[in-house]
Amino acid sequence: MAVAGDTGHGPDDPKVVLVRHGETEWSRTGRHTGLTDIPLTQAGEYKAELVGQSLAGIPFGLVLTSPLARARETARLAGFPYAEEDARLVEWDYGGYEGVTSKEIAADLGRPWTIWANGVPAGDTPGETADEVHARALSLCERLEPNLEARERVLLFSHGHFLRAFAAVWLGLHARDGSLLALDTAAISVLGFEHGRRVIVSWNRVPGR
C-alpha cells in the first residue's frame, strides 16, 4: 500500500491525509455512532497499528484528531499520540438515531432512509442537519489553510460520515454529496491539488486488505 508515495514528498505538494478510526463494536454491527464514546475492538486496534506502518516516516506539519476516544486511540496506535484535538472532527450528531441501524430506521419509517438525503429526527434530541455538518467542514478547511499555504502535509483522524462530508466540501460540493464516497474503518484517504484545483488523490485504502 503505497500511501507514502500518494502523500508526496516534494515541498510543493501539500496534501490532507484522512484516517477513519478503527473498528468498534457499533461500526461492526452497523449502528450509528455519533457522539457515543465507545472503544476500538481488538481488530480495530490492530488495523490502527497498520495505519501507522503505512504512514511511518511521512512528515506532517499539523496532526489533528477528533476528541472522541475511538479516533484518539487510532491516532495513538498509529504513532501520533501528540495529535491535537479539534471538536470540528467529531462525527455527525445523529440525535435520536444514535445507536440505531439504517435498516431499523427504514423499517420504523416505512420507507428507505439515509442520513444524507433524509437527515435526523427533530424533537428532544435533534442531532445535526447536513447544512450544519457542511458549515463545520468549511470551518475546518479554513483551519488548514495556513499549513497548506506553507506547503505542509496535514493528517486528520476522524469518523466515517464526517470525513465523507469533509471530502465533498473539499471538492466544492455540499456535505450531502459525501453520500457518493464509501469509507471503511481504518481507511486512509488523501486529498490534494492538481493544476490548482482541489482533488481526491486516493480514497478508502485500508492497510492489509
C-alpha atoms as a PDB file:
ATOM      1  CA  MET A   1       0.000   0.000   0.000  1.00  0.00           C
ATOM      2  CA  ALA A   2       1.981   2.987  -1.276  1.00  0.00           C
ATOM      3  CA  VAL A   3       0.443   5.634   0.951  1.00  0.00           C
ATOM      4  CA  ALA A   4       3.784   7.338   1.474  1.00  0.00           C
ATOM      5  CA  GLY A   5       4.095   7.904  -2.253  1.00  0.00           C
ATOM      6  CA  ASP A   6       0.485   9.037  -2.506  1.00  0.00           C
ATOM      7  CA  THR A   7       1.048  11.767   0.060  1.00  0.00           C
ATOM      8  CA  GLY A   8       4.025  13.149  -1.862  1.00  0.00           C
ATOM      9  CA  HIS A   9       7.430  14.147  -0.541  1.00  0.00           C
ATOM     10  CA  GLY A  10       8.016  17.267  -2.643  1.00  0.00           C
ATOM     11  CA  PRO A  11       7.989  20.678  -0.926  1.00  0.00           C
ATOM     12  CA  ASP A  12       5.396  21.960  -3.414  1.00  0.00           C
ATOM     13  CA  ASP A  13       2.981  19.098  -2.906  1.00  0.00           C
ATOM     14  CA  PRO A  14       0.739  19.719   0.136  1.00  0.00           C
ATOM     15  CA  LYS A  15      -1.778  17.013   0.990  1.00  0.00           C
ATOM     16  CA  VAL A  16      -4.511  16.378   3.531  1.00  0.00           C
ATOM     17  CA  VAL A  17      -4.429  12.761   4.724  1.00  0.00           C
ATOM     18  CA  LEU A  18      -7.642  11.444   6.248  1.00  0.00           C
ATOM     19  CA  VAL A  19      -7.821   8.427   8.561  1.00  0.00           C
ATOM     20  CA  ARG A  20     -11.108   6.955   9.696  1.00  0.00           C
ATOM     21  CA  HIS A  21     -10.851   5.370  13.149  1.00  0.00           C
ATOM     22  CA  GLY A  22     -10.539   1.618  13.554  1.00  0.00           C
ATOM     23  CA  GLU A  23     -13.412  -0.774  14.052  1.00  0.00           C
ATOM     24  CA  THR A  24     -15.710  -0.515  17.080  1.00  0.00           C
ATOM     25  CA  GLU A  25     -18.465  -2.915  18.077  1.00  0.00           C
ATOM     26  CA  TRP A  26     -21.057  -0.453  16.806  1.00  0.00           C
ATOM     27  CA  SER A  27     -19.345   0.145  13.469  1.00  0.00           C
ATOM     28  CA  ARG A  28     -19.026  -3.612  13.039  1.00  0.00           C
ATOM     29  CA  THR A  29     -22.775  -4.078  13.529  1.00  0.00           C
ATOM     30  CA  GLY A  30     -23.853  -1.002  11.558  1.00  0.00           C
ATOM     31  CA  ARG A  31     -25.141   1.061  14.476  1.00  0.00           C
ATOM     32  CA  HIS A  32     -24.913   4.827  14.022  1.00  0.00           C
ATOM     33  CA  THR A  33     -22.168   6.041  16.337  1.00  0.00           C
ATOM     34  CA  GLY A  34     -22.139   9.793  16.649  1.00  0.00           C
ATOM     35  CA  LEU A  35     -21.082  11.230  19.996  1.00  0.00           C
ATOM     36  CA  THR A  36     -21.256   7.967  21.964  1.00  0.00           C
ATOM     37  CA  ASP A  37     -17.712   7.360  23.188  1.00  0.00           C
ATOM     38  CA  ILE A  38     -17.009   3.661  22.702  1.00  0.00           C
ATOM     39  CA  PRO A  39     -13.626   1.909  22.357  1.00  0.00           C
ATOM     40  CA  LEU A  40     -11.972   0.147  19.471  1.00  0.00           C
ATOM     41  CA  THR A  41     -12.305  -3.598  19.140  1.00  0.00           C
ATOM     42  CA  GLN A  42      -9.166  -5.735  19.133  1.00  0.00           C
ATOM     43  CA  ALA A  43      -9.410  -5.835  15.337  1.00  0.00           C
ATOM     44  CA  GLY A  44      -9.741  -2.047  15.311  1.00  0.00           C
ATOM     45  CA  GLU A  45      -6.586  -1.680  17.382  1.00  0.00           C
ATOM     46  CA  TYR A  46      -4.673  -3.965  15.036  1.00  0.00           C
ATOM     47  CA  LYS A  47      -5.775  -2.021  11.944  1.00  0.00           C
ATOM     48  CA  ALA A  48      -4.823   1.261  13.640  1.00  0.00           C
ATOM     49  CA  GLU A  49      -1.292  -0.096  14.057  1.00  0.00           C
ATOM     50  CA  LEU A  50      -1.244  -0.991  10.360  1.00  0.00           C
ATOM     51  CA  VAL A  51      -2.253   2.585   9.573  1.00  0.00           C
ATOM     52  CA  GLY A  52       0.826   3.680  11.478  1.00  0.00           C
ATOM     53  CA  GLN A  53       3.029   1.411   9.402  1.00  0.00           C
ATOM     54  CA  SER A  54       1.613   2.929   6.221  1.00  0.00           C
ATOM     55  CA  LEU A  55       2.242   6.489   7.411  1.00  0.00           C
ATOM     56  CA  ALA A  56       5.638   5.867   9.019  1.00  0.00           C
ATOM     57  CA  GLY A  57       8.301   8.364   8.023  1.00  0.00           C
ATOM     58  CA  ILE A  58       5.937  10.882   6.425  1.00  0.00           C
ATOM     59  CA  PRO A  59       6.350  14.383   7.905  1.00  0.00           C
ATOM     60  CA  PHE A  60       3.194  16.283   8.811  1.00  0.00           C
ATOM     61  CA  GLY A  61       3.025  19.951   9.690  1.00  0.00           C
ATOM     62  CA  LEU A  62      -0.265  19.502  11.530  1.00  0.00           C
ATOM     63  CA  VAL A  63      -1.928  16.432  13.061  1.00  0.00           C
ATOM     64  CA  LEU A  64      -5.486  16.773  14.370  1.00  0.00           C
ATOM     65  CA  THR A  65      -7.895  14.265  15.882  1.00  0.00           C
ATOM     66  CA  SER A  66     -11.500  14.133  16.914  1.00  0.00           C
ATOM     67  CA  PRO A  67     -11.686  14.247  20.725  1.00  0.00           C
ATOM     68  CA  LEU A  68     -13.736  11.042  20.767  1.00  0.00           C
ATOM     69  CA  ALA A  69     -11.858   8.038  22.157  1.00  0.00           C
ATOM     70  CA  ARG A  70     -12.052   5.824  19.069  1.00  0.00           C
ATOM     71  CA  ALA A  71     -10.318   8.472  16.961  1.00  0.00           C
ATOM     72  CA  ARG A  72      -7.787   9.468  19.638  1.00  0.00           C
ATOM     73  CA  GLU A  73      -6.848   5.832  20.212  1.00  0.00           C
ATOM     74  CA  THR A  74      -6.449   5.248  16.478  1.00  0.00           C
ATOM     75  CA  ALA A  75      -4.107   8.234  16.329  1.00  0.00           C
ATOM     76  CA  ARG A  76      -2.113   6.965  19.302  1.00  0.00           C
ATOM     77  CA  LEU A  77      -1.768   3.428  17.978  1.00  0.00           C
ATOM     78  CA  ALA A  78      -0.784   4.797  14.562  1.00  0.00           C
ATOM     79  CA  GLY A  79       2.114   6.625  16.178  1.00  0.00           C
ATOM     80  CA  PHE A  80       0.627  10.097  16.649  1.00  0.00           C
ATOM     81  CA  PRO A  81      -0.069  10.403  20.392  1.00  0.00           C
ATOM     82  CA  TYR A  82       0.562  14.141  20.179  1.00  0.00           C
ATOM     83  CA  ALA A  83      -2.358  14.723  17.779  1.00  0.00           C
ATOM     84  CA  GLU A  84      -4.207  17.904  18.710  1.00  0.00           C
ATOM     85  CA  GLU A  85      -7.905  17.526  19.494  1.00  0.00           C
ATOM     86  CA  ASP A  86     -10.284  19.578  17.357  1.00  0.00           C
ATOM     87  CA  ALA A  87     -14.010  19.358  18.061  1.00  0.00           C
ATOM     88  CA  ARG A  88     -14.800  20.049  14.406  1.00  0.00           C
ATOM     89  CA  LEU A  89     -13.634  16.498  13.648  1.00  0.00           C
ATOM     90  CA  VAL A  90     -16.320  14.754  15.732  1.00  0.00           C
ATOM     91  CA  GLU A  91     -18.805  12.511  13.974  1.00  0.00           C
ATOM     92  CA  TRP A  92     -22.194  13.668  12.693  1.00  0.00           C
ATOM     93  CA  ASP A  93     -24.531  14.040  15.669  1.00  0.00           C
ATOM     94  CA  TYR A  94     -27.316  11.543  14.911  1.00  0.00           C
ATOM     95  CA  GLY A  95     -29.613  12.719  17.683  1.00  0.00           C
ATOM     96  CA  GLY A  96     -32.470  10.269  18.141  1.00  0.00           C
ATOM     97  CA  TYR A  97     -30.921   7.851  15.640  1.00  0.00           C
ATOM     98  CA  GLU A  98     -27.834   7.287  17.799  1.00  0.00           C
ATOM     99  CA  GLY A  99     -27.126   3.573  18.190  1.00  0.00           C
ATOM    100  CA  VAL A 100     -29.742   2.590  15.582  1.00  0.00           C
ATOM    101  CA  THR A 101     -29.035   0.885  12.251  1.00  0.00           C
ATOM    102  CA  SER A 102     -30.176   2.216   8.882  1.00  0.00           C
ATOM    103  CA  LYS A 103     -32.293  -0.905   8.399  1.00  0.00           C
ATOM    104  CA  GLU A 104     -34.086  -0.306  11.703  1.00  0.00           C
ATOM    105  CA  ILE A 105     -34.706   3.343  10.862  1.00  0.00           C
ATOM    106  CA  ALA A 106     -36.125   2.474   7.438  1.00  0.00           C
ATOM    107  CA  ALA A 107     -38.380  -0.180   8.965  1.00  0.00           C
ATOM    108  CA  ASP A 108     -39.674   2.288  11.544  1.00  0.00           C
ATOM    109  CA  LEU A 109     -40.347   4.955   8.915  1.00  0.00           C
ATOM    110  CA  GLY A 110     -41.799   2.522   6.396  1.00  0.00           C
ATOM    111  CA  ARG A 111     -39.584   3.894   3.607  1.00  0.00           C
ATOM    112  CA  PRO A 112     -35.926   3.995   2.536  1.00  0.00           C
ATOM    113  CA  TRP A 113     -33.702   6.265   4.612  1.00  0.00           C
ATOM    114  CA  THR A 114     -30.156   7.659   4.537  1.00  0.00           C
ATOM    115  CA  ILE A 115     -28.530  10.323   6.701  1.00  0.00           C
ATOM    116  CA  TRP A 116     -27.560  12.175   3.515  1.00  0.00           C
ATOM    117  CA  ALA A 117     -30.999  12.503   1.986  1.00  0.00           C
ATOM    118  CA  ASN A 118     -33.302  12.396   4.995  1.00  0.00           C
ATOM    119  CA  GLY A 119     -31.350  13.690   7.979  1.00  0.00           C
ATOM    120  CA  VAL A 120     -32.110  13.022  11.619  1.00  0.00           C
ATOM    121  CA  PRO A 121     -35.402  13.441  13.511  1.00  0.00           C
ATOM    122  CA  ALA A 122     -36.441  16.649  15.206  1.00  0.00           C
ATOM    123  CA  GLY A 123     -37.504  16.572  18.832  1.00  0.00           C
ATOM    124  CA  ASP A 124     -35.757  16.340  22.172  1.00  0.00           C
ATOM    125  CA  THR A 125     -32.536  15.018  20.551  1.00  0.00           C
ATOM    126  CA  PRO A 126     -32.484  16.633  17.091  1.00  0.00           C
ATOM    127  CA  GLY A 127     -28.839  15.984  16.164  1.00  0.00           C
ATOM    128  CA  GLU A 128     -27.180  17.861  13.282  1.00  0.00           C
ATOM    129  CA  THR A 129     -28.507  18.846   9.886  1.00  0.00           C
ATOM    130  CA  ALA A 130     -26.471  18.341   6.726  1.00  0.00           C
ATOM    131  CA  ASP A 131     -26.110  22.126   6.490  1.00  0.00           C
ATOM    132  CA  GLU A 132     -24.610  22.244   9.998  1.00  0.00           C
ATOM    133  CA  VAL A 133     -22.133  19.492   9.127  1.00  0.00           C
ATOM    134  CA  HIS A 134     -21.300  21.398   5.928  1.00  0.00           C
ATOM    135  CA  ALA A 135     -20.538  24.555   7.922  1.00  0.00           C
ATOM    136  CA  ARG A 136     -18.341  22.583  10.327  1.00  0.00           C
ATOM    137  CA  ALA A 137     -16.377  21.110   7.414  1.00  0.00           C
ATOM    138  CA  LEU A 138     -15.914  24.563   5.863  1.00  0.00           C
ATOM    139  CA  SER A 139     -14.588  25.867   9.171  1.00  0.00           C
ATOM    140  CA  LEU A 140     -12.098  23.003   9.313  1.00  0.00           C
ATOM    141  CA  CYS A 141     -10.928  23.736   5.769  1.00  0.00           C
ATOM    142  CA  GLU A 142     -10.205  27.289   6.872  1.00  0.00           C
ATOM    143  CA  ARG A 143      -8.207  25.974   9.847  1.00  0.00           C
ATOM    144  CA  LEU A 144      -5.953  24.024   7.482  1.00  0.00           C
ATOM    145  CA  GLU A 145      -5.264  26.856   5.037  1.00  0.00           C
ATOM    146  CA  PRO A 146      -2.106  28.241   6.733  1.00  0.00           C
ATOM    147  CA  ASN A 147      -0.462  24.806   6.713  1.00  0.00           C
ATOM    148  CA  LEU A 148      -1.372  24.139   3.104  1.00  0.00           C
ATOM    149  CA  GLU A 149      -0.109  27.573   2.058  1.00  0.00           C
ATOM    150  CA  ALA A 150       3.147  26.687   3.821  1.00  0.00           C
ATOM    151  CA  ARG A 151       3.316  23.527   1.651  1.00  0.00           C
ATOM    152  CA  GLU A 152       2.871  21.259   4.665  1.00  0.00           C
ATOM    153  CA  ARG A 153       1.011  17.966   4.870  1.00  0.00           C
ATOM    154  CA  VAL A 154      -1.911  17.672   7.268  1.00  0.00           C
ATOM    155  CA  LEU A 155      -3.152  14.484   8.960  1.00  0.00           C
ATOM    156  CA  LEU A 156      -6.717  14.164  10.289  1.00  0.00           C
ATOM    157  CA  PHE A 157      -8.158  11.327  12.422  1.00  0.00           C
ATOM    158  CA  SER A 158     -11.932  11.339  12.384  1.00  0.00           C
ATOM    159  CA  HIS A 159     -15.115   9.413  11.578  1.00  0.00           C
ATOM    160  CA  GLY A 160     -16.866   7.884   8.595  1.00  0.00           C
ATOM    161  CA  HIS A 161     -19.724  10.231   7.830  1.00  0.00           C
ATOM    162  CA  PHE A 162     -17.857  13.387   8.758  1.00  0.00           C
ATOM    163  CA  LEU A 163     -14.813  12.527   6.642  1.00  0.00           C
ATOM    164  CA  ARG A 164     -17.060  11.752   3.685  1.00  0.00           C
ATOM    165  CA  ALA A 165     -18.784  15.116   4.163  1.00  0.00           C
ATOM    166  CA  PHE A 166     -15.432  16.866   4.565  1.00  0.00           C
ATOM    167  CA  ALA A 167     -14.086  15.387   1.333  1.00  0.00           C
ATOM    168  CA  ALA A 168     -17.179  16.589  -0.527  1.00  0.00           C
ATOM    169  CA  VAL A 169     -16.745  20.094   0.881  1.00  0.00           C
ATOM    170  CA  TRP A 170     -13.040  19.995  -0.053  1.00  0.00           C
ATOM    171  CA  LEU A 171     -14.146  19.461  -3.659  1.00  0.00           C
ATOM    172  CA  GLY A 172     -16.514  22.432  -3.528  1.00  0.00           C
ATOM    173  CA  LEU A 173     -19.629  20.268  -3.195  1.00  0.00           C
ATOM    174  CA  HIS A 174     -22.205  20.103  -0.420  1.00  0.00           C
ATOM    175  CA  ALA A 175     -21.640  17.836   2.559  1.00  0.00           C
ATOM    176  CA  ARG A 176     -24.599  15.743   1.333  1.00  0.00           C
ATOM    177  CA  ASP A 177     -22.501  14.690  -1.659  1.00  0.00           C
ATOM    178  CA  GLY A 178     -20.383  12.656   0.723  1.00  0.00           C
ATOM    179  CA  SER A 179     -23.022  10.014   0.051  1.00  0.00           C
ATOM    180  CA  LEU A 180     -21.011   9.157  -3.078  1.00  0.00           C
ATOM    181  CA  LEU A 181     -17.862   8.280  -1.120  1.00  0.00           C
ATOM    182  CA  ALA A 182     -17.916   4.953   0.729  1.00  0.00           C
ATOM    183  CA  LEU A 183     -15.392   4.784   3.565  1.00  0.00           C
ATOM    184  CA  ASP A 184     -14.333   1.776   5.637  1.00  0.00           C
ATOM    185  CA  THR A 185     -12.929   1.742   9.156  1.00  0.00           C
ATOM    186  CA  ALA A 186      -9.149   2.281   9.373  1.00  0.00           C
ATOM    187  CA  ALA A 187      -9.136   3.569   5.796  1.00  0.00           C
ATOM    188  CA  ILE A 188      -6.579   6.102   4.601  1.00  0.00           C
ATOM    189  CA  SER A 189      -7.600   8.693   2.015  1.00  0.00           C
ATOM    190  CA  VAL A 190      -5.667  11.593   0.531  1.00  0.00           C
ATOM    191  CA  LEU A 191      -6.897  14.979  -0.665  1.00  0.00           C
ATOM    192  CA  GLY A 192      -4.683  17.286  -2.678  1.00  0.00           C
ATOM    193  CA  PHE A 193      -4.342  19.529  -5.690  1.00  0.00           C
ATOM    194  CA  GLU A 194      -3.997  19.107  -9.441  1.00  0.00           C
ATOM    195  CA  HIS A 195      -3.431  22.120 -11.682  1.00  0.00           C
ATOM    196  CA  GLY A 196      -4.510  24.354  -8.827  1.00  0.00           C
ATOM    197  CA  ARG A 197      -7.815  22.550  -8.266  1.00  0.00           C
ATOM    198  CA  ARG A 198      -8.729  20.519  -5.203  1.00  0.00           C
ATOM    199  CA  VAL A 199      -8.952  16.801  -5.962  1.00  0.00           C
ATOM    200  CA  ILE A 200      -9.113  13.389  -4.336  1.00  0.00           C
ATOM    201  CA  VAL A 201      -5.700  11.788  -4.754  1.00  0.00           C
ATOM    202  CA  SER A 202      -6.655   8.390  -3.317  1.00  0.00           C
ATOM    203  CA  TRP A 203      -9.638   7.073  -1.409  1.00  0.00           C
ATOM    204  CA  ASN A 204     -10.606   4.327   1.048  1.00  0.00           C
ATOM    205  CA  ARG A 205      -7.340   2.403   1.114  1.00  0.00           C
ATOM    206  CA  VAL A 206      -7.305   0.004   4.052  1.00  0.00           C
ATOM    207  CA  PRO A 207      -3.893  -1.300   5.140  1.00  0.00           C
ATOM    208  CA  GLY A 208      -3.603  -5.061   4.987  1.00  0.00           C
ATOM    209  CA  ARG A 209      -6.556  -5.523   2.652  1.00  0.00           C
END
